[in-house]
N, C-alpha and C. Protein backbone atom coordinates (compact mmCIF):
# COMPACT_ATOMS: atom_id res chain seq x y z
N MET A 1 55.03 41.77 4.92
CA MET A 1 54.04 40.81 5.78
C MET A 1 54.50 39.46 5.78
N LYS A 2 54.57 38.86 6.75
CA LYS A 2 54.95 37.51 6.87
C LYS A 2 53.98 36.50 6.44
N LYS A 3 54.42 35.44 5.61
CA LYS A 3 53.60 34.62 5.09
C LYS A 3 53.29 33.40 5.99
N LEU A 4 52.13 33.08 6.30
CA LEU A 4 51.93 31.81 7.21
C LEU A 4 52.12 30.58 6.52
N GLN A 5 52.65 29.58 7.25
CA GLN A 5 52.95 28.29 6.69
C GLN A 5 51.53 27.56 6.72
N ASN A 6 50.64 27.57 7.69
CA ASN A 6 49.39 26.83 7.67
C ASN A 6 48.35 27.79 7.81
N PRO A 7 47.82 28.30 6.90
CA PRO A 7 46.62 29.04 7.15
C PRO A 7 45.37 28.44 7.40
N LEU A 8 44.36 28.97 8.12
CA LEU A 8 43.36 28.46 8.82
C LEU A 8 42.31 27.93 7.58
N ASP A 9 42.22 28.76 6.49
CA ASP A 9 41.21 28.28 5.48
C ASP A 9 41.86 27.51 4.38
N MET A 10 42.90 26.83 4.72
CA MET A 10 43.52 26.02 3.62
C MET A 10 42.88 24.65 3.43
N VAL A 11 42.65 24.25 2.31
CA VAL A 11 41.96 22.92 1.97
C VAL A 11 43.12 21.91 1.98
N SER A 12 42.84 20.70 2.75
CA SER A 12 43.67 19.56 2.74
C SER A 12 44.01 19.19 1.25
N GLU A 13 45.32 18.91 0.93
CA GLU A 13 45.66 18.44 -0.39
C GLU A 13 45.43 16.97 -0.43
N LYS A 14 45.47 16.17 0.62
CA LYS A 14 45.33 14.84 0.58
C LYS A 14 43.84 14.40 0.18
N ARG A 15 43.43 13.62 -0.70
CA ARG A 15 41.98 13.27 -0.90
C ARG A 15 41.85 11.97 -0.36
N ARG A 16 40.52 11.57 -0.41
CA ARG A 16 40.22 10.34 0.07
C ARG A 16 40.62 9.15 -0.60
N ARG A 17 40.58 7.93 -0.24
CA ARG A 17 40.86 6.74 -0.89
C ARG A 17 39.75 6.51 -1.88
N GLY A 18 40.37 5.77 -2.96
CA GLY A 18 39.33 5.18 -3.97
C GLY A 18 39.23 6.22 -5.01
N ARG A 19 38.31 5.91 -6.14
CA ARG A 19 38.11 6.73 -7.26
C ARG A 19 37.24 7.93 -6.67
N PRO A 20 37.58 8.97 -7.24
CA PRO A 20 36.77 10.41 -6.91
C PRO A 20 35.40 10.15 -7.39
N ALA A 21 34.34 10.66 -6.69
CA ALA A 21 33.02 10.58 -7.12
C ALA A 21 32.71 11.64 -8.17
N LYS A 22 31.93 11.25 -9.19
CA LYS A 22 31.60 12.45 -10.30
C LYS A 22 30.38 13.11 -9.55
N ILE A 23 29.56 12.61 -8.89
CA ILE A 23 28.41 13.16 -8.56
C ILE A 23 28.03 12.54 -7.11
N LYS A 24 27.41 13.38 -6.22
CA LYS A 24 27.01 12.89 -4.94
C LYS A 24 25.87 11.83 -5.08
N ARG A 25 25.94 10.80 -4.31
CA ARG A 25 24.92 9.63 -4.31
C ARG A 25 23.53 10.20 -4.10
N SER A 26 23.67 11.02 -3.09
CA SER A 26 22.35 11.78 -2.65
C SER A 26 21.54 12.39 -3.87
N TRP A 27 22.37 13.13 -4.70
CA TRP A 27 21.94 13.86 -5.83
C TRP A 27 21.36 12.79 -6.87
N VAL A 28 21.93 11.63 -6.90
CA VAL A 28 21.57 10.60 -7.96
C VAL A 28 20.16 10.19 -7.49
N ARG A 29 19.98 9.81 -6.05
CA ARG A 29 18.79 9.36 -5.66
C ARG A 29 17.89 10.38 -5.59
N GLY A 30 17.92 11.52 -5.40
CA GLY A 30 17.01 12.57 -5.59
C GLY A 30 16.55 12.83 -6.93
N ARG A 31 17.53 12.67 -7.94
CA ARG A 31 16.99 12.81 -9.21
C ARG A 31 16.19 11.69 -9.67
N ALA A 32 16.58 10.40 -9.27
CA ALA A 32 15.70 9.26 -9.56
C ALA A 32 14.32 9.44 -8.89
N ASP A 33 14.27 9.89 -7.70
CA ASP A 33 12.90 9.94 -7.05
C ASP A 33 12.21 11.05 -7.89
N ASN A 34 12.85 12.04 -8.29
CA ASN A 34 12.04 13.03 -9.27
C ASN A 34 11.44 12.31 -10.28
N TYR A 35 12.38 11.67 -11.01
CA TYR A 35 12.05 10.92 -12.40
C TYR A 35 10.83 9.95 -11.96
N ARG A 36 10.86 9.14 -10.86
CA ARG A 36 9.85 8.32 -10.43
C ARG A 36 8.61 9.13 -10.36
N TRP A 37 8.51 10.27 -9.73
CA TRP A 37 7.44 11.18 -9.61
C TRP A 37 6.89 11.53 -11.01
N ILE A 38 7.57 12.03 -11.79
CA ILE A 38 7.30 12.40 -13.18
C ILE A 38 6.78 11.18 -14.07
N LEU A 39 7.40 10.16 -13.96
CA LEU A 39 6.99 9.00 -14.69
C LEU A 39 5.68 8.46 -14.31
N ASN A 40 5.34 8.42 -13.02
CA ASN A 40 4.16 8.03 -12.43
C ASN A 40 2.98 8.78 -13.04
N GLN A 41 3.18 10.10 -13.19
CA GLN A 41 2.11 11.03 -13.59
C GLN A 41 1.84 10.60 -14.90
N ILE A 42 2.70 10.35 -15.87
CA ILE A 42 2.59 10.28 -17.35
C ILE A 42 2.64 8.79 -17.63
N TRP A 43 2.92 7.79 -16.96
CA TRP A 43 3.15 6.46 -17.54
C TRP A 43 1.90 5.89 -18.16
N ASP A 44 0.69 6.05 -17.87
CA ASP A 44 -0.26 5.47 -18.46
C ASP A 44 -0.47 6.00 -19.87
N ARG A 45 -0.10 7.21 -20.17
CA ARG A 45 -0.14 7.64 -21.62
C ARG A 45 1.12 7.38 -22.34
N VAL A 46 2.24 7.16 -21.68
CA VAL A 46 3.40 7.16 -22.45
C VAL A 46 3.90 5.56 -22.68
N SER A 47 3.41 4.81 -21.68
CA SER A 47 3.95 3.45 -21.79
C SER A 47 3.78 2.57 -23.05
N PRO A 48 2.46 2.72 -23.53
CA PRO A 48 2.13 1.95 -24.59
C PRO A 48 3.32 2.11 -25.93
N ARG A 49 3.45 3.33 -26.24
CA ARG A 49 4.34 3.64 -27.17
C ARG A 49 5.96 3.38 -26.82
N LEU A 50 6.23 3.81 -25.53
CA LEU A 50 7.49 3.70 -25.13
C LEU A 50 7.93 2.39 -24.89
N LEU A 51 7.29 1.45 -24.53
CA LEU A 51 7.57 -0.05 -24.41
C LEU A 51 7.79 -0.64 -25.66
N LYS A 52 7.23 -0.20 -26.80
CA LYS A 52 7.56 -0.91 -27.99
C LYS A 52 8.42 0.11 -28.92
N ALA A 53 9.21 1.03 -28.24
CA ALA A 53 10.12 1.88 -29.13
C ALA A 53 11.36 1.07 -29.49
N GLN A 54 11.64 1.29 -30.77
CA GLN A 54 12.94 0.56 -31.25
C GLN A 54 14.03 1.37 -31.64
N THR A 55 13.67 2.58 -31.72
CA THR A 55 14.72 3.72 -32.07
C THR A 55 14.57 5.06 -31.16
N ARG A 56 15.74 5.76 -31.28
CA ARG A 56 15.69 6.89 -30.30
C ARG A 56 14.57 7.87 -30.63
N GLU A 57 14.07 7.97 -32.06
CA GLU A 57 13.01 8.93 -32.47
C GLU A 57 11.67 8.40 -31.91
N ASP A 58 11.56 6.91 -31.77
CA ASP A 58 10.35 6.32 -31.24
C ASP A 58 10.18 6.63 -29.63
N VAL A 59 11.31 6.85 -29.03
CA VAL A 59 11.23 7.16 -27.61
C VAL A 59 10.68 8.58 -27.43
N ILE A 60 11.43 9.42 -28.42
CA ILE A 60 11.01 10.81 -28.31
C ILE A 60 9.52 11.16 -28.63
N ARG A 61 9.00 10.36 -29.77
CA ARG A 61 7.60 10.41 -30.10
C ARG A 61 6.78 10.02 -28.98
N SER A 62 7.02 9.04 -28.19
CA SER A 62 6.20 8.43 -27.06
C SER A 62 5.89 9.60 -26.23
N TYR A 63 6.66 10.64 -25.97
CA TYR A 63 6.32 11.63 -24.98
C TYR A 63 5.47 12.78 -25.64
N GLU A 64 5.07 12.62 -26.81
CA GLU A 64 4.25 13.76 -27.60
C GLU A 64 2.91 13.60 -26.83
N GLY A 65 2.27 14.72 -26.57
CA GLY A 65 0.86 14.62 -26.06
C GLY A 65 0.86 14.66 -24.46
N THR A 66 2.03 14.70 -23.88
CA THR A 66 2.20 14.69 -22.54
C THR A 66 2.70 15.94 -21.92
N ASP A 67 2.32 16.56 -20.84
CA ASP A 67 2.67 17.79 -20.57
C ASP A 67 3.98 17.63 -19.56
N LEU A 68 5.07 17.51 -20.18
CA LEU A 68 6.27 17.40 -19.35
C LEU A 68 6.86 18.65 -19.01
N GLY A 69 6.56 19.77 -19.66
CA GLY A 69 7.01 21.16 -19.17
C GLY A 69 8.45 21.20 -19.31
N ALA A 70 9.07 21.55 -18.21
CA ALA A 70 10.57 21.83 -18.30
C ALA A 70 11.34 20.66 -18.24
N ASN A 71 10.55 19.64 -18.02
CA ASN A 71 11.33 18.12 -17.99
C ASN A 71 11.38 17.49 -19.42
N ALA A 72 10.80 18.25 -20.39
CA ALA A 72 10.71 17.70 -21.81
C ALA A 72 12.23 17.43 -22.23
N LEU A 73 13.01 18.52 -22.09
CA LEU A 73 14.32 18.51 -22.71
C LEU A 73 15.21 17.43 -22.00
N ASP A 74 14.86 17.17 -20.58
CA ASP A 74 15.49 16.10 -19.99
C ASP A 74 15.34 14.72 -20.75
N PHE A 75 14.00 14.31 -20.81
CA PHE A 75 13.66 13.21 -21.36
C PHE A 75 14.23 12.98 -22.95
N VAL A 76 14.37 14.19 -23.76
CA VAL A 76 14.81 14.11 -25.02
C VAL A 76 16.21 13.86 -25.05
N GLN A 77 17.03 14.44 -24.21
CA GLN A 77 18.37 14.21 -23.92
C GLN A 77 18.76 12.80 -23.42
N LEU A 78 17.77 12.31 -22.82
CA LEU A 78 18.09 10.73 -22.32
C LEU A 78 17.37 9.82 -23.09
N ALA A 79 17.02 10.14 -24.27
CA ALA A 79 16.29 9.19 -25.17
C ALA A 79 17.17 7.81 -25.43
N ASP A 80 18.44 8.12 -25.70
CA ASP A 80 19.25 6.93 -26.07
C ASP A 80 19.55 6.13 -24.80
N LEU A 81 19.66 6.55 -23.74
CA LEU A 81 19.75 6.06 -22.31
C LEU A 81 18.50 5.17 -22.05
N ILE A 82 17.40 5.87 -22.13
CA ILE A 82 16.02 5.08 -21.82
C ILE A 82 15.81 4.03 -22.82
N LEU A 83 16.17 4.14 -24.20
CA LEU A 83 16.05 2.97 -24.97
C LEU A 83 16.96 1.82 -24.68
N GLN A 84 18.15 2.16 -24.09
CA GLN A 84 19.10 1.27 -23.85
C GLN A 84 18.45 0.42 -22.45
N VAL A 85 17.92 1.23 -21.49
CA VAL A 85 17.22 0.63 -20.44
C VAL A 85 15.92 -0.13 -20.72
N LEU A 86 15.35 0.20 -21.56
CA LEU A 86 14.07 -0.59 -22.05
C LEU A 86 14.48 -1.76 -22.64
N LYS A 87 15.66 -1.94 -23.40
CA LYS A 87 16.09 -3.15 -24.12
C LYS A 87 16.66 -4.26 -23.07
N GLU A 88 17.14 -3.65 -21.84
CA GLU A 88 17.85 -4.69 -20.83
C GLU A 88 16.91 -5.84 -20.54
N PRO A 89 17.61 -7.12 -20.58
CA PRO A 89 16.69 -8.40 -20.29
C PRO A 89 16.04 -8.29 -18.98
N LYS A 90 16.60 -7.55 -17.95
CA LYS A 90 16.05 -7.38 -16.69
C LYS A 90 14.81 -6.41 -16.59
N PHE A 91 14.61 -5.70 -17.66
CA PHE A 91 13.60 -4.79 -17.47
C PHE A 91 12.30 -5.50 -17.17
N PRO A 92 11.51 -5.05 -16.00
CA PRO A 92 10.20 -5.69 -15.73
C PRO A 92 9.08 -5.66 -16.77
N LYS A 93 8.60 -6.87 -16.99
CA LYS A 93 7.39 -6.90 -18.01
C LYS A 93 6.10 -6.54 -17.60
N GLN A 94 5.80 -7.08 -16.27
CA GLN A 94 4.29 -7.00 -15.85
C GLN A 94 4.07 -5.48 -15.14
N SER A 95 4.66 -5.30 -13.94
CA SER A 95 4.26 -4.42 -13.03
C SER A 95 4.62 -3.07 -13.50
N ARG A 96 3.47 -2.24 -13.35
CA ARG A 96 3.68 -0.65 -13.72
C ARG A 96 4.89 -0.08 -12.91
N LYS A 97 4.54 -0.31 -11.55
CA LYS A 97 5.31 0.34 -10.49
C LYS A 97 6.87 -0.21 -10.66
N ALA A 98 6.96 -1.38 -10.98
CA ALA A 98 8.44 -1.86 -11.02
C ALA A 98 9.03 -1.30 -12.43
N GLN A 99 8.24 -1.10 -13.34
CA GLN A 99 8.77 -0.54 -14.49
C GLN A 99 9.11 0.94 -14.48
N ILE A 100 8.37 1.59 -13.66
CA ILE A 100 8.57 2.97 -13.40
C ILE A 100 9.92 3.18 -12.48
N ASN A 101 9.95 2.18 -11.55
CA ASN A 101 11.18 2.31 -10.49
C ASN A 101 12.30 1.97 -11.26
N PHE A 102 12.41 0.96 -11.97
CA PHE A 102 13.49 0.51 -12.77
C PHE A 102 14.06 1.59 -13.68
N LEU A 103 13.22 2.19 -14.62
CA LEU A 103 13.51 3.17 -15.44
C LEU A 103 14.16 4.29 -14.84
N ALA A 104 13.48 4.77 -13.71
CA ALA A 104 13.76 6.02 -13.14
C ALA A 104 15.17 5.81 -12.40
N ASP A 105 15.43 4.70 -11.75
CA ASP A 105 16.60 4.54 -11.03
C ASP A 105 17.87 4.43 -12.06
N SER A 106 17.58 3.79 -13.10
CA SER A 106 18.42 3.50 -14.22
C SER A 106 18.98 4.75 -14.79
N ILE A 107 18.14 5.85 -15.00
CA ILE A 107 18.50 7.16 -15.51
C ILE A 107 18.71 8.21 -14.68
N GLY A 108 18.94 7.76 -13.23
CA GLY A 108 19.12 8.89 -12.31
C GLY A 108 20.58 9.37 -12.23
N ARG A 109 21.49 8.67 -12.91
CA ARG A 109 22.74 9.11 -13.11
C ARG A 109 23.06 9.84 -14.43
N ARG A 110 22.10 9.83 -15.24
CA ARG A 110 21.98 10.48 -16.65
C ARG A 110 23.23 10.17 -17.52
N GLY A 111 23.37 8.85 -17.38
CA GLY A 111 24.38 8.11 -18.35
C GLY A 111 25.79 8.44 -18.08
N VAL A 112 26.12 8.96 -16.89
CA VAL A 112 27.50 9.14 -16.47
C VAL A 112 28.14 7.76 -16.22
N VAL A 113 27.29 6.87 -15.56
CA VAL A 113 27.71 5.59 -15.43
C VAL A 113 26.60 4.68 -16.05
N ALA A 114 27.01 3.31 -16.04
CA ALA A 114 26.05 2.17 -16.61
C ALA A 114 24.76 2.36 -15.80
N PRO A 115 23.47 1.91 -16.52
CA PRO A 115 22.26 1.88 -15.80
C PRO A 115 22.38 1.14 -14.54
N ARG A 116 23.07 0.02 -14.48
CA ARG A 116 23.08 -0.94 -13.59
C ARG A 116 23.68 -0.22 -12.34
N SER A 117 24.82 0.53 -12.55
CA SER A 117 25.46 1.14 -11.42
C SER A 117 24.67 2.08 -10.86
N SER A 118 23.81 2.85 -11.67
CA SER A 118 22.90 3.98 -11.30
C SER A 118 21.92 3.37 -10.20
N ARG A 119 21.29 1.94 -10.60
CA ARG A 119 20.32 1.37 -9.80
C ARG A 119 20.98 1.05 -8.39
N ASP A 120 22.30 0.54 -8.53
CA ASP A 120 22.95 0.14 -7.21
C ASP A 120 23.12 1.29 -6.31
N ILE A 121 23.54 2.62 -6.92
CA ILE A 121 23.90 3.67 -6.27
C ILE A 121 22.47 4.04 -5.47
N CYS A 122 21.35 4.14 -6.08
CA CYS A 122 19.96 4.31 -5.69
C CYS A 122 19.74 3.57 -4.46
N GLU A 123 19.92 2.19 -4.77
CA GLU A 123 19.59 1.21 -3.66
C GLU A 123 20.28 1.44 -2.50
N LYS A 124 21.55 1.69 -2.64
CA LYS A 124 22.49 1.93 -1.41
C LYS A 124 22.24 3.27 -0.73
N GLU A 125 21.87 4.16 -1.48
CA GLU A 125 21.64 5.59 -0.80
C GLU A 125 20.17 5.41 0.02
N ARG A 126 19.08 4.61 -0.62
CA ARG A 126 17.90 4.45 0.09
C ARG A 126 18.14 3.58 1.49
N ALA A 127 18.94 2.63 1.23
CA ALA A 127 19.32 1.77 2.45
C ALA A 127 19.99 2.75 3.50
N ARG A 128 20.91 3.49 2.95
CA ARG A 128 21.72 4.38 4.02
C ARG A 128 20.78 5.29 4.71
N ILE A 129 19.73 5.97 3.98
CA ILE A 129 18.66 6.77 4.54
C ILE A 129 17.86 6.15 5.65
N GLU A 130 17.51 4.81 5.40
CA GLU A 130 16.51 4.02 6.36
C GLU A 130 17.11 3.85 7.50
N ARG A 131 18.53 3.41 7.43
CA ARG A 131 19.10 3.22 8.94
C ARG A 131 19.78 4.25 9.46
N LEU A 132 19.78 5.56 8.75
CA LEU A 132 20.47 6.78 9.43
C LEU A 132 19.91 7.01 10.71
N HIS A 133 18.51 7.11 10.68
CA HIS A 133 17.94 7.54 12.23
C HIS A 133 16.83 6.45 12.40
N HIS A 134 17.11 5.98 13.52
CA HIS A 134 16.15 4.92 13.96
C HIS A 134 16.29 4.83 15.46
N ILE A 135 15.17 4.36 16.10
CA ILE A 135 15.27 4.18 17.60
C ILE A 135 15.96 2.84 17.82
N VAL A 136 17.03 2.86 18.71
CA VAL A 136 17.86 1.79 18.99
C VAL A 136 17.08 0.93 20.11
N ARG A 137 16.62 1.91 21.15
CA ARG A 137 16.05 1.26 22.37
C ARG A 137 15.06 2.28 23.25
N TYR A 138 13.94 2.07 23.54
CA TYR A 138 13.21 2.79 24.33
C TYR A 138 12.78 2.20 25.49
N GLU A 139 12.87 2.84 26.68
CA GLU A 139 12.34 2.24 27.89
C GLU A 139 11.29 3.08 28.53
N PHE A 140 10.41 2.51 29.40
CA PHE A 140 9.37 2.97 30.18
C PHE A 140 9.76 2.88 31.62
N TRP A 141 9.25 4.04 32.35
CA TRP A 141 9.36 3.95 33.91
C TRP A 141 7.95 3.59 34.16
N ILE A 142 8.04 2.51 34.87
CA ILE A 142 6.61 1.86 35.28
C ILE A 142 6.35 1.85 36.81
N GLU A 143 5.21 1.83 37.10
CA GLU A 143 4.62 1.51 38.48
C GLU A 143 3.69 0.48 38.53
N CYS A 144 4.23 -0.69 38.86
CA CYS A 144 3.31 -2.05 38.63
C CYS A 144 2.43 -2.35 39.70
N SER A 145 1.32 -3.12 39.53
CA SER A 145 0.39 -3.55 40.75
C SER A 145 1.09 -4.29 41.76
N CYS A 146 2.30 -4.97 41.26
CA CYS A 146 2.97 -5.81 42.19
C CYS A 146 3.83 -5.16 43.14
N GLY A 147 3.96 -3.73 42.86
CA GLY A 147 4.67 -2.87 43.83
C GLY A 147 6.01 -2.36 43.30
N TYR A 148 6.42 -2.91 41.96
CA TYR A 148 7.65 -2.56 41.52
C TYR A 148 7.44 -1.17 40.85
N LYS A 149 8.56 -0.41 41.15
CA LYS A 149 8.74 1.11 40.58
C LYS A 149 10.02 1.16 40.04
N GLY A 150 10.09 1.43 38.72
CA GLY A 150 11.39 1.55 38.01
C GLY A 150 11.32 1.18 36.54
N ARG A 151 12.51 0.79 35.68
CA ARG A 151 12.44 0.83 34.45
C ARG A 151 11.87 -0.55 34.08
N SER A 152 11.25 -0.54 32.80
CA SER A 152 10.55 -1.68 32.33
C SER A 152 11.84 -2.65 31.77
N LEU A 153 11.49 -3.92 31.47
CA LEU A 153 12.41 -4.88 30.93
C LEU A 153 11.70 -5.52 29.90
N ASN A 154 12.22 -5.22 28.49
CA ASN A 154 11.41 -5.87 27.39
C ASN A 154 10.06 -5.68 27.50
N HIS A 155 9.72 -4.33 27.86
CA HIS A 155 8.34 -3.81 27.67
C HIS A 155 7.33 -4.80 28.78
N ALA A 156 7.98 -4.90 29.93
CA ALA A 156 7.06 -5.88 30.78
C ALA A 156 7.80 -5.54 32.25
N CYS A 157 7.22 -5.66 33.20
CA CYS A 157 7.69 -5.57 34.61
C CYS A 157 8.64 -6.60 34.88
N PRO A 158 9.65 -6.12 35.36
CA PRO A 158 10.99 -7.28 35.60
C PRO A 158 10.63 -7.99 36.76
N LYS A 159 9.69 -7.70 37.49
CA LYS A 159 9.39 -8.46 38.75
C LYS A 159 8.29 -9.60 38.51
N CYS A 160 7.11 -8.99 38.08
CA CYS A 160 6.04 -10.14 37.65
C CYS A 160 5.92 -10.34 36.29
N GLU A 161 6.65 -9.76 35.32
CA GLU A 161 6.41 -10.05 33.96
C GLU A 161 5.26 -9.58 33.39
N ALA A 162 4.54 -8.58 33.96
CA ALA A 162 3.31 -8.01 33.34
C ALA A 162 3.66 -7.22 32.13
N GLU A 163 2.89 -7.36 31.08
CA GLU A 163 3.37 -6.68 29.68
C GLU A 163 2.58 -5.02 29.81
N ILE A 164 3.32 -4.39 29.22
CA ILE A 164 2.99 -2.89 29.09
C ILE A 164 2.14 -2.88 27.73
N PRO A 165 0.79 -2.44 28.02
CA PRO A 165 0.01 -2.22 26.78
C PRO A 165 0.56 -0.84 25.99
N LEU A 166 0.76 -1.14 24.65
CA LEU A 166 1.34 0.06 24.03
C LEU A 166 0.41 0.81 23.21
N ARG A 167 -0.99 0.35 23.21
CA ARG A 167 -1.95 1.28 22.53
C ARG A 167 -2.55 2.27 23.61
N ALA A 168 -2.85 3.22 23.11
CA ALA A 168 -3.57 4.33 24.11
C ALA A 168 -4.99 3.91 24.55
N ASP A 169 -5.71 3.18 23.88
CA ASP A 169 -7.13 2.70 24.39
C ASP A 169 -7.01 1.49 25.43
N LEU A 170 -5.87 1.11 25.79
CA LEU A 170 -5.68 0.03 26.72
C LEU A 170 -5.14 0.46 27.90
N GLY A 171 -5.20 1.68 28.34
CA GLY A 171 -4.84 2.36 29.74
C GLY A 171 -3.54 3.13 29.65
N VAL A 172 -2.95 3.23 28.80
CA VAL A 172 -1.68 4.00 28.81
C VAL A 172 -2.10 5.42 28.45
N GLU A 173 -1.98 6.36 29.68
CA GLU A 173 -2.35 7.81 29.22
C GLU A 173 -1.37 8.60 28.51
N SER A 174 -0.23 8.54 28.74
CA SER A 174 0.80 9.17 27.89
C SER A 174 2.13 8.47 27.89
N ILE A 175 2.64 8.37 26.82
CA ILE A 175 3.91 7.85 26.54
C ILE A 175 5.08 8.78 26.38
N SER A 176 5.84 9.28 27.22
CA SER A 176 6.92 10.19 26.98
C SER A 176 8.26 9.73 27.26
């Protein structure tokens, strides 16, 4: 049988520029969001002991009495990393939500990179998701009392500049 020089299912040997990623950015953000949800559920019970922790064992003991279920092993394995994040000078001191978000984003990469890099990855991925799908421009076909029929300009009639009310209770029956 004749051997093909370029089979269809062949993977390109040339890789992308830069350092190869160890894990997908979306996975890091997804894991960080999961940690945010878990920590939000248990933070009131865990935070008094966790914020005072000085050793790995203190971090592990702070989770006693909480129902972490399958996530308990995760938090035990990440105890050293959690302690490192808690001792960072930029760790928020006041806000409950800021503390949860800072900790969750810092451990999202599970210690593969520095906590600061993990937070940067989460921030960039969330920014990418926000700008991924958004409405660039929307237009209305209008029939104005001045007699103009056609597309609106800046949400108003281009002839007499009468503005389009955008709330349903102001006379717009359907926006399609």
